[in-house]
Amino acid sequence: MSKADRNYNSIADNVHPYTLDNHTLQPHAPQMWDDILKLSNAWAVSVIDCDINPEGGNREDAIDVNRFSRDCLFRRCRVRAGAKYAITVKGGS
C-alpha cells in the first residue's frame, strides 16, 4: 500500500467554483511536502497571477492535477518544479 501524498494546498471534490488570485504558495519547510498545489476531482478552478513553489525544495510536483479534474484554468502563473516536475496532469484529467 502506498502512502498518501502530503500536499501544501489541496482542492478536492469541490462543489462550488474556486479561485486563487495573486497568491504565493511557498511553504516554510518545503521538504515536508510532496505537492504544493494538488487538484483532485476538482471542478471550475481558476489559478491566476500566482507564484507556485518559487523557491522549490518540495519532494514531488509544484502542481499535480488528477482524478478527473476538469474545467481548470491557469493564467499568468510562475511555477517552479519540485524534485520531480513543475506540473503533472494524469488520471483522466
PDB file of N, CA and C in Angstrom:
ATOM      1  N   MET A   1       0.851  -1.182   0.000  1.00  0.00           N
ATOM      2  CA  MET A   1       0.000   0.000   0.000  1.00  0.00           C
ATOM      3  C   MET A   1       0.894   1.242   0.000  1.00  0.00           C
ATOM      4  N   SER A   2       0.601   2.160  -0.879  1.00  0.00           N
ATOM      5  CA  SER A   2       1.401   3.391  -0.941  1.00  0.00           C
ATOM      6  C   SER A   2       0.849   4.422   0.044  1.00  0.00           C
ATOM      7  N   LYS A   3       1.739   5.293   0.479  1.00  0.00           N
ATOM      8  CA  LYS A   3       1.317   6.333   1.424  1.00  0.00           C
ATOM      9  C   LYS A   3       0.626   7.470   0.679  1.00  0.00           C
ATOM     10  N   ALA A   4      -0.244   8.161   1.358  1.00  0.00           N
ATOM     11  CA  ALA A   4      -0.937   9.309   0.768  1.00  0.00           C
ATOM     12  C   ALA A   4       0.031  10.482   0.670  1.00  0.00           C
ATOM     13  N   ASP A   5      -0.108  11.253  -0.402  1.00  0.00           N
ATOM     14  CA  ASP A   5       0.712  12.459  -0.555  1.00  0.00           C
ATOM     15  C   ASP A   5       0.401  13.453   0.553  1.00  0.00           C
ATOM     16  N   ARG A   6       1.404  14.189   0.921  1.00  0.00           N
ATOM     17  CA  ARG A   6       1.218  15.312   1.846  1.00  0.00           C
ATOM     18  C   ARG A   6       1.298  16.582   1.002  1.00  0.00           C
ATOM     19  N   ASN A   7       0.174  17.286   0.897  1.00  0.00           N
ATOM     20  CA  ASN A   7       0.066  18.425  -0.007  1.00  0.00           C
ATOM     21  C   ASN A   7      -0.109  19.727   0.762  1.00  0.00           C
ATOM     22  N   TYR A   8       0.599  20.758   0.306  1.00  0.00           N
ATOM     23  CA  TYR A   8       0.544  22.065   0.963  1.00  0.00           C
ATOM     24  C   TYR A   8      -0.825  22.719   0.799  1.00  0.00           C
ATOM     25  N   ASN A   9      -1.390  22.655  -0.407  1.00  0.00           N
ATOM     26  CA  ASN A   9      -2.708  23.232  -0.680  1.00  0.00           C
ATOM     27  C   ASN A   9      -3.460  22.255  -1.581  1.00  0.00           C
ATOM     28  N   SER A  10      -4.600  21.771  -1.127  1.00  0.00           N
ATOM     29  CA  SER A  10      -5.382  20.795  -1.899  1.00  0.00           C
ATOM     30  C   SER A  10      -6.769  21.340  -2.203  1.00  0.00           C
ATOM     31  N   ILE A  11      -7.208  21.092  -3.425  1.00  0.00           N
ATOM     32  CA  ILE A  11      -8.571  21.398  -3.828  1.00  0.00           C
ATOM     33  C   ILE A  11      -9.136  20.083  -4.346  1.00  0.00           C
ATOM     34  N   ALA A  12     -10.120  19.539  -3.629  1.00  0.00           N
ATOM     35  CA  ALA A  12     -10.639  18.216  -3.987  1.00  0.00           C
ATOM     36  C   ALA A  12     -12.152  18.174  -3.826  1.00  0.00           C
ATOM     37  N   ASP A  13     -12.803  17.576  -4.814  1.00  0.00           N
ATOM     38  CA  ASP A  13     -14.244  17.323  -4.740  1.00  0.00           C
ATOM     39  C   ASP A  13     -15.049  18.586  -4.427  1.00  0.00           C
ATOM     40  N   ASN A  14     -14.588  19.738  -4.901  1.00  0.00           N
ATOM     41  CA  ASN A  14     -15.302  20.989  -4.619  1.00  0.00           C
ATOM     42  C   ASN A  14     -16.635  21.038  -5.367  1.00  0.00           C
ATOM     43  N   VAL A  15     -17.645  21.625  -4.733  1.00  0.00           N
ATOM     44  CA  VAL A  15     -18.968  21.738  -5.356  1.00  0.00           C
ATOM     45  C   VAL A  15     -19.229  23.145  -5.890  1.00  0.00           C
ATOM     46  N   HIS A  16     -18.391  24.106  -5.511  1.00  0.00           N
ATOM     47  CA  HIS A  16     -18.508  25.485  -5.997  1.00  0.00           C
ATOM     48  C   HIS A  16     -17.222  25.878  -6.709  1.00  0.00           C
ATOM     49  N   PRO A  17     -17.299  26.768  -7.684  1.00  0.00           N
ATOM     50  CA  PRO A  17     -16.082  27.256  -8.326  1.00  0.00           C
ATOM     51  C   PRO A  17     -15.099  27.806  -7.280  1.00  0.00           C
ATOM     52  N   TYR A  18     -13.830  27.647  -7.577  1.00  0.00           N
ATOM     53  CA  TYR A  18     -12.774  28.031  -6.630  1.00  0.00           C
ATOM     54  C   TYR A  18     -11.736  28.858  -7.374  1.00  0.00           C
ATOM     55  N   THR A  19     -11.332  29.987  -6.797  1.00  0.00           N
ATOM     56  CA  THR A  19     -10.343  30.861  -7.432  1.00  0.00           C
ATOM     57  C   THR A  19      -9.207  31.173  -6.474  1.00  0.00           C
ATOM     58  N   LEU A  20      -8.004  31.041  -6.975  1.00  0.00           N
ATOM     59  CA  LEU A  20      -6.799  31.539  -6.300  1.00  0.00           C
ATOM     60  C   LEU A  20      -6.278  32.665  -7.178  1.00  0.00           C
ATOM     61  N   ASP A  21      -6.212  33.862  -6.654  1.00  0.00           N
ATOM     62  CA  ASP A  21      -5.803  35.022  -7.444  1.00  0.00           C
ATOM     63  C   ASP A  21      -4.722  35.785  -6.687  1.00  0.00           C
ATOM     64  N   ASN A  22      -3.574  35.955  -7.338  1.00  0.00           N
ATOM     65  CA  ASN A  22      -2.472  36.744  -6.788  1.00  0.00           C
ATOM     66  C   ASN A  22      -1.985  36.197  -5.440  1.00  0.00           C
ATOM     67  N   HIS A  23      -1.754  34.894  -5.385  1.00  0.00           N
ATOM     68  CA  HIS A  23      -1.232  34.237  -4.184  1.00  0.00           C
ATOM     69  C   HIS A  23       0.196  33.752  -4.434  1.00  0.00           C
ATOM     70  N   THR A  24       0.950  33.621  -3.374  1.00  0.00           N
ATOM     71  CA  THR A  24       2.226  32.920  -3.404  1.00  0.00           C
ATOM     72  C   THR A  24       2.068  31.669  -2.565  1.00  0.00           C
ATOM     73  N   LEU A  25       2.288  30.517  -3.187  1.00  0.00           N
ATOM     74  CA  LEU A  25       2.203  29.245  -2.482  1.00  0.00           C
ATOM     75  C   LEU A  25       3.621  28.717  -2.290  1.00  0.00           C
ATOM     76  N   GLN A  26       4.185  28.985  -1.129  1.00  0.00           N
ATOM     77  CA  GLN A  26       5.533  28.527  -0.797  1.00  0.00           C
ATOM     78  C   GLN A  26       5.591  28.204   0.687  1.00  0.00           C
ATOM     79  N   PRO A  27       5.651  26.924   1.041  1.00  0.00           N
ATOM     80  CA  PRO A  27       5.736  26.577   2.459  1.00  0.00           C
ATOM     81  C   PRO A  27       7.098  26.948   3.039  1.00  0.00           C
ATOM     82  N   HIS A  28       7.107  27.160   4.366  1.00  0.00           N
ATOM     83  CA  HIS A  28       8.366  27.500   5.039  1.00  0.00           C
ATOM     84  C   HIS A  28       9.336  26.336   5.076  1.00  0.00           C
ATOM     85  N   ALA A  29       8.837  25.115   5.113  1.00  0.00           N
ATOM     86  CA  ALA A  29       9.675  23.915   5.120  1.00  0.00           C
ATOM     87  C   ALA A  29       9.257  23.031   3.946  1.00  0.00           C
ATOM     88  N   PRO A  30       9.648  23.380   2.712  1.00  0.00           N
ATOM     89  CA  PRO A  30       9.139  22.675   1.533  1.00  0.00           C
ATOM     90  C   PRO A  30       9.488  21.188   1.503  1.00  0.00           C
ATOM     91  N   GLN A  31      10.564  20.786   2.135  1.00  0.00           N
ATOM     92  CA  GLN A  31      10.963  19.380   2.108  1.00  0.00           C
ATOM     93  C   GLN A  31       9.957  18.474   2.820  1.00  0.00           C
ATOM     94  N   MET A  32       9.031  19.056   3.580  1.00  0.00           N
ATOM     95  CA  MET A  32       7.994  18.282   4.269  1.00  0.00           C
ATOM     96  C   MET A  32       6.807  17.944   3.353  1.00  0.00           C
ATOM     97  N   TRP A  33       6.735  18.562   2.186  1.00  0.00           N
ATOM     98  CA  TRP A  33       5.552  18.460   1.329  1.00  0.00           C
ATOM     99  C   TRP A  33       5.868  17.704   0.042  1.00  0.00           C
ATOM    100  N   ASP A  34       4.903  16.901  -0.419  1.00  0.00           N
ATOM    101  CA  ASP A  34       5.046  16.236  -1.711  1.00  0.00           C
ATOM    102  C   ASP A  34       4.709  17.222  -2.831  1.00  0.00           C
ATOM    103  N   ASP A  35       3.439  17.646  -2.892  1.00  0.00           N
ATOM    104  CA  ASP A  35       2.997  18.587  -3.922  1.00  0.00           C
ATOM    105  C   ASP A  35       2.623  19.910  -3.264  1.00  0.00           C
ATOM    106  N   ILE A  36       2.808  21.008  -3.993  1.00  0.00           N
ATOM    107  CA  ILE A  36       2.462  22.322  -3.442  1.00  0.00           C
ATOM    108  C   ILE A  36       0.982  22.623  -3.691  1.00  0.00           C
ATOM    109  N   LEU A  37       0.494  22.367  -4.894  1.00  0.00           N
ATOM    110  CA  LEU A  37      -0.931  22.559  -5.200  1.00  0.00           C
ATOM    111  C   LEU A  37      -1.450  21.279  -5.833  1.00  0.00           C
ATOM    112  N   LYS A  38      -2.414  20.642  -5.181  1.00  0.00           N
ATOM    113  CA  LYS A  38      -2.985  19.386  -5.676  1.00  0.00           C
ATOM    114  C   LYS A  38      -4.450  19.600  -6.002  1.00  0.00           C
ATOM    115  N   LEU A  39      -4.838  19.260  -7.238  1.00  0.00           N
ATOM    116  CA  LEU A  39      -6.235  19.283  -7.646  1.00  0.00           C
ATOM    117  C   LEU A  39      -6.667  17.841  -7.864  1.00  0.00           C
ATOM    118  N   SER A  40      -7.684  17.416  -7.135  1.00  0.00           N
ATOM    119  CA  SER A  40      -8.136  16.041  -7.208  1.00  0.00           C
ATOM    120  C   SER A  40      -9.659  16.034  -7.338  1.00  0.00           C
ATOM    121  N   ASN A  41     -10.137  15.570  -8.477  1.00  0.00           N
ATOM    122  CA  ASN A  41     -11.556  15.646  -8.808  1.00  0.00           C
ATOM    123  C   ASN A  41     -12.075  17.070  -8.570  1.00  0.00           C
ATOM    124  N   ALA A  42     -11.282  18.016  -8.976  1.00  0.00           N
ATOM    125  CA  ALA A  42     -11.626  19.432  -8.808  1.00  0.00           C
ATOM    126  C   ALA A  42     -12.388  19.916 -10.047  1.00  0.00           C
ATOM    127  N   TRP A  43     -13.264  20.881  -9.828  1.00  0.00           N
ATOM    128  CA  TRP A  43     -14.109  21.408 -10.894  1.00  0.00           C
ATOM    129  C   TRP A  43     -14.089  22.930 -10.841  1.00  0.00           C
ATOM    130  N   ALA A  44     -13.978  23.574 -12.007  1.00  0.00           N
ATOM    131  CA  ALA A  44     -14.072  25.033 -12.142  1.00  0.00           C
ATOM    132  C   ALA A  44     -13.087  25.751 -11.214  1.00  0.00           C
ATOM    133  N   VAL A  45     -11.825  25.403 -11.350  1.00  0.00           N
ATOM    134  CA  VAL A  45     -10.768  26.030 -10.553  1.00  0.00           C
ATOM    135  C   VAL A  45     -10.005  27.004 -11.442  1.00  0.00           C
ATOM    136  N   SER A  46      -9.831  28.239 -10.954  1.00  0.00           N
ATOM    137  CA  SER A  46      -9.043  29.252 -11.659  1.00  0.00           C
ATOM    138  C   SER A  46      -7.866  29.645 -10.774  1.00  0.00           C
ATOM    139  N   VAL A  47      -6.678  29.568 -11.337  1.00  0.00           N
ATOM    140  CA  VAL A  47      -5.454  29.969 -10.640  1.00  0.00           C
ATOM    141  C   VAL A  47      -4.823  31.057 -11.500  1.00  0.00           C
ATOM    142  N   ILE A  48      -4.829  32.278 -10.988  1.00  0.00           N
ATOM    143  CA  ILE A  48      -4.469  33.442 -11.797  1.00  0.00           C
ATOM    144  C   ILE A  48      -3.403  34.262 -11.085  1.00  0.00           C
ATOM    145  N   ASP A  49      -2.361  34.650 -11.824  1.00  0.00           N
ATOM    146  CA  ASP A  49      -1.301  35.522 -11.305  1.00  0.00           C
ATOM    147  C   ASP A  49      -0.698  35.004 -10.005  1.00  0.00           C
ATOM    148  N   CYS A  50      -0.398  33.730  -9.946  1.00  0.00           N
ATOM    149  CA  CYS A  50       0.145  33.138  -8.718  1.00  0.00           C
ATOM    150  C   CYS A  50       1.602  32.720  -8.909  1.00  0.00           C
ATOM    151  N   ASP A  51       2.363  32.787  -7.830  1.00  0.00           N
ATOM    152  CA  ASP A  51       3.702  32.202  -7.751  1.00  0.00           C
ATOM    153  C   ASP A  51       3.547  30.885  -7.020  1.00  0.00           C
ATOM    154  N   ILE A  52       3.870  29.812  -7.687  1.00  0.00           N
ATOM    155  CA  ILE A  52       3.698  28.496  -7.088  1.00  0.00           C
ATOM    156  C   ILE A  52       5.070  27.848  -6.961  1.00  0.00           C
ATOM    157  N   ASN A  53       5.472  27.635  -5.721  1.00  0.00           N
ATOM    158  CA  ASN A  53       6.737  26.992  -5.410  1.00  0.00           C
ATOM    159  C   ASN A  53       7.944  27.810  -5.880  1.00  0.00           C
ATOM    160  N   PRO A  54       7.977  29.130  -5.655  1.00  0.00           N
ATOM    161  CA  PRO A  54       9.057  29.943  -6.213  1.00  0.00           C
ATOM    162  C   PRO A  54      10.457  29.559  -5.734  1.00  0.00           C
ATOM    163  N   GLU A  55      10.569  28.927  -4.582  1.00  0.00           N
ATOM    164  CA  GLU A  55      11.890  28.533  -4.070  1.00  0.00           C
ATOM    165  C   GLU A  55      12.172  27.052  -4.267  1.00  0.00           C
ATOM    166  N   GLY A  56      11.173  26.275  -4.711  1.00  0.00           N
ATOM    167  CA  GLY A  56      11.368  24.842  -4.907  1.00  0.00           C
ATOM    168  C   GLY A  56      11.591  24.127  -3.585  1.00  0.00           C
ATOM    169  N   GLY A  57      12.167  22.938  -3.665  1.00  0.00           N
ATOM    170  CA  GLY A  57      12.551  22.201  -2.477  1.00  0.00           C
ATOM    171  C   GLY A  57      11.578  21.148  -1.998  1.00  0.00           C
ATOM    172  N   ASN A  58      10.382  21.040  -2.614  1.00  0.00           N
ATOM    173  CA  ASN A  58       9.432  20.003  -2.199  1.00  0.00           C
ATOM    174  C   ASN A  58       9.782  18.668  -2.849  1.00  0.00           C
ATOM    175  N   ARG A  59       9.140  17.590  -2.394  1.00  0.00           N
ATOM    176  CA  ARG A  59       9.524  16.231  -2.791  1.00  0.00           C
ATOM    177  C   ARG A  59       9.014  15.783  -4.153  1.00  0.00           C
ATOM    178  N   GLU A  60       7.915  16.384  -4.659  1.00  0.00           N
ATOM    179  CA  GLU A  60       7.376  15.909  -5.936  1.00  0.00           C
ATOM    180  C   GLU A  60       7.129  17.072  -6.894  1.00  0.00           C
ATOM    181  N   ASP A  61       5.845  17.436  -7.100  1.00  0.00           N
ATOM    182  CA  ASP A  61       5.483  18.415  -8.122  1.00  0.00           C
ATOM    183  C   ASP A  61       5.034  19.739  -7.504  1.00  0.00           C
ATOM    184  N   ALA A  62       5.176  20.799  -8.270  1.00  0.00           N
ATOM    185  CA  ALA A  62       4.599  22.074  -7.840  1.00  0.00           C
ATOM    186  C   ALA A  62       3.078  22.000  -7.964  1.00  0.00           C
ATOM    187  N   ILE A  63       2.591  21.516  -9.115  1.00  0.00           N
ATOM    188  CA  ILE A  63       1.146  21.352  -9.349  1.00  0.00           C
ATOM    189  C   ILE A  63       0.894  19.916  -9.791  1.00  0.00           C
ATOM    190  N   ASP A  64      -0.053  19.247  -9.144  1.00  0.00           N
ATOM    191  CA  ASP A  64      -0.442  17.885  -9.504  1.00  0.00           C
ATOM    192  C   ASP A  64      -1.959  17.880  -9.712  1.00  0.00           C
ATOM    193  N   VAL A  65      -2.378  17.593 -10.944  1.00  0.00           N
ATOM    194  CA  VAL A  65      -3.804  17.584 -11.302  1.00  0.00           C
ATOM    195  C   VAL A  65      -4.176  16.145 -11.637  1.00  0.00           C
ATOM    196  N   ASN A  66      -5.149  15.579 -10.893  1.00  0.00           N
ATOM    197  CA  ASN A  66      -5.519  14.200 -11.163  1.00  0.00           C
ATOM    198  C   ASN A  66      -6.967  13.914 -10.795  1.00  0.00           C
ATOM    199  N   ARG A  67      -7.331  12.641 -10.880  1.00  0.00           N
ATOM    200  CA  ARG A  67      -8.657  12.122 -10.537  1.00  0.00           C
ATOM    201  C   ARG A  67      -9.793  12.894 -11.205  1.00  0.00           C
ATOM    202  N   PHE A  68      -9.739  13.015 -12.480  1.00  0.00           N
ATOM    203  CA  PHE A  68     -10.829  13.583 -13.274  1.00  0.00           C
ATOM    204  C   PHE A  68     -11.113  15.059 -12.994  1.00  0.00           C
ATOM    205  N   SER A  69     -10.092  15.806 -12.639  1.00  0.00           N
ATOM    206  CA  SER A  69     -10.267  17.267 -12.514  1.00  0.00           C
ATOM    207  C   SER A  69     -10.638  17.821 -13.880  1.00  0.00           C
ATOM    208  N   ARG A  70     -11.462  18.879 -13.885  1.00  0.00           N
ATOM    209  CA  ARG A  70     -11.960  19.400 -15.163  1.00  0.00           C
ATOM    210  C   ARG A  70     -12.267  20.892 -15.047  1.00  0.00           C
ATOM    211  N   ASP A  71     -12.272  21.550 -16.201  1.00  0.00           N
ATOM    212  CA  ASP A  71     -12.581  22.978 -16.292  1.00  0.00           C
ATOM    213  C   ASP A  71     -11.665  23.810 -15.384  1.00  0.00           C
ATOM    214  N   CYS A  72     -10.372  23.542 -15.488  1.00  0.00           N
ATOM    215  CA  CYS A  72      -9.382  24.259 -14.670  1.00  0.00           C
ATOM    216  C   CYS A  72      -8.597  25.224 -15.548  1.00  0.00           C
ATOM    217  N   LEU A  73      -8.375  26.410 -15.032  1.00  0.00           N
ATOM    218  CA  LEU A  73      -7.677  27.463 -15.755  1.00  0.00           C
ATOM    219  C   LEU A  73      -6.457  27.911 -14.948  1.00  0.00           C
ATOM    220  N   PHE A  74      -5.298  27.931 -15.602  1.00  0.00           N
ATOM    221  CA  PHE A  74      -4.082  28.502 -15.024  1.00  0.00           C
ATOM    222  C   PHE A  74      -3.666  29.639 -15.949  1.00  0.00           C
ATOM    223  N   ARG A  75      -3.595  30.849 -15.401  1.00  0.00           N
ATOM    224  CA  ARG A  75      -3.263  32.007 -16.227  1.00  0.00           C
ATOM    225  C   ARG A  75      -2.192  32.850 -15.528  1.00  0.00           C
ATOM    226  N   ARG A  76      -1.168  33.206 -16.280  1.00  0.00           N
ATOM    227  CA  ARG A  76      -0.082  34.089 -15.820  1.00  0.00           C
ATOM    228  C   ARG A  76       0.500  33.639 -14.471  1.00  0.00           C
ATOM    229  N   CYS A  77       0.791  32.351 -14.368  1.00  0.00           N
ATOM    230  CA  CYS A  77       1.382  31.823 -13.142  1.00  0.00           C
ATOM    231  C   CYS A  77       2.856  31.516 -13.376  1.00  0.00           C
ATOM    232  N   ARG A  78       3.632  31.682 -12.339  1.00  0.00           N
ATOM    233  CA  ARG A  78       5.035  31.316 -12.350  1.00  0.00           C
ATOM    234  C   ARG A  78       5.154  30.053 -11.500  1.00  0.00           C
ATOM    235  N   VAL A  79       5.709  29.001 -12.108  1.00  0.00           N
ATOM    236  CA  VAL A  79       5.738  27.698 -11.445  1.00  0.00           C
ATOM    237  C   VAL A  79       7.166  27.150 -11.480  1.00  0.00           C
ATOM    238  N   ARG A  80       7.676  26.753 -10.314  1.00  0.00           N
ATOM    239  CA  ARG A  80       8.999  26.141 -10.243  1.00  0.00           C
ATOM    240  C   ARG A  80       8.842  24.672  -9.852  1.00  0.00           C
ATOM    241  N   ALA A  81       9.578  23.817 -10.531  1.00  0.00           N
ATOM    242  CA  ALA A  81       9.490  22.381 -10.284  1.00  0.00           C
ATOM    243  C   ALA A  81       9.953  22.035  -8.885  1.00  0.00           C
ATOM    244  N   GLY A  82       9.367  20.945  -8.381  1.00  0.00           N
ATOM    245  CA  GLY A  82       9.862  20.337  -7.156  1.00  0.00           C
ATOM    246  C   GLY A  82      10.929  19.323  -7.543  1.00  0.00           C
ATOM    247  N   ALA A  83      11.073  18.268  -6.761  1.00  0.00           N
ATOM    248  CA  ALA A  83      12.067  17.238  -7.054  1.00  0.00           C
ATOM    249  C   ALA A  83      11.711  16.441  -8.313  1.00  0.00           C
ATOM    250  N   LYS A  84      10.441  16.461  -8.726  1.00  0.00           N
ATOM    251  CA  LYS A  84      10.032  15.762  -9.941  1.00  0.00           C
ATOM    252  C   LYS A  84       9.720  16.759 -11.059  1.00  0.00           C
ATOM    253  N   TYR A  85       8.503  17.294 -11.080  1.00  0.00           N
ATOM    254  CA  TYR A  85       8.065  18.106 -12.207  1.00  0.00           C
ATOM    255  C   TYR A  85       7.436  19.424 -11.751  1.00  0.00           C
ATOM    256  N   ALA A  86       7.335  20.360 -12.670  1.00  0.00           N
ATOM    257  CA  ALA A  86       6.622  21.589 -12.385  1.00  0.00           C
ATOM    258  C   ALA A  86       5.118  21.296 -12.350  1.00  0.00           C
ATOM    259  N   ILE A  87       4.603  20.620 -13.400  1.00  0.00           N
ATOM    260  CA  ILE A  87       3.172  20.315 -13.493  1.00  0.00           C
ATOM    261  C   ILE A  87       2.979  18.885 -13.963  1.00  0.00           C
ATOM    262  N   THR A  88       2.123  18.145 -13.275  1.00  0.00           N
ATOM    263  CA  THR A  88       1.744  16.792 -13.684  1.00  0.00           C
ATOM    264  C   THR A  88       0.228  16.757 -13.851  1.00  0.00           C
ATOM    265  N   VAL A  89      -0.239  16.227 -14.992  1.00  0.00           N
ATOM    266  CA  VAL A  89      -1.669  16.057 -15.235  1.00  0.00           C
ATOM    267  C   VAL A  89      -1.882  14.576 -15.556  1.00  0.00           C
ATOM    268  N   LYS A  90      -2.790  13.919 -14.825  1.00  0.00           N
ATOM    269  CA  LYS A  90      -2.986  12.485 -15.021  1.00  0.00           C
ATOM    270  C   LYS A  90      -4.374  12.051 -14.557  1.00  0.00           C
ATOM    271  N   GLY A  91      -4.668  10.792 -14.681  1.00  0.00           N
ATOM    272  CA  GLY A  91      -5.874  10.196 -14.135  1.00  0.00           C
ATOM    273  C   GLY A  91      -7.174  10.688 -14.736  1.00  0.00           C
ATOM    274  N   GLY A  92      -7.229  10.849 -16.053  1.00  0.00           N
ATOM    275  CA  GLY A  92      -8.460  11.249 -16.693  1.00  0.00           C
ATOM    276  C   GLY A  92      -8.713  12.738 -16.703  1.00  0.00           C
ATOM    277  N   SER A  93      -7.780  13.523 -16.186  1.00  0.00           N
ATOM    278  CA  SER A  93      -7.977  14.982 -16.131  1.00  0.00           C
ATOM    279  C   SER A  93      -7.744  15.610 -17.488  1.00  0.00           C
TER     280      SER A  93
END
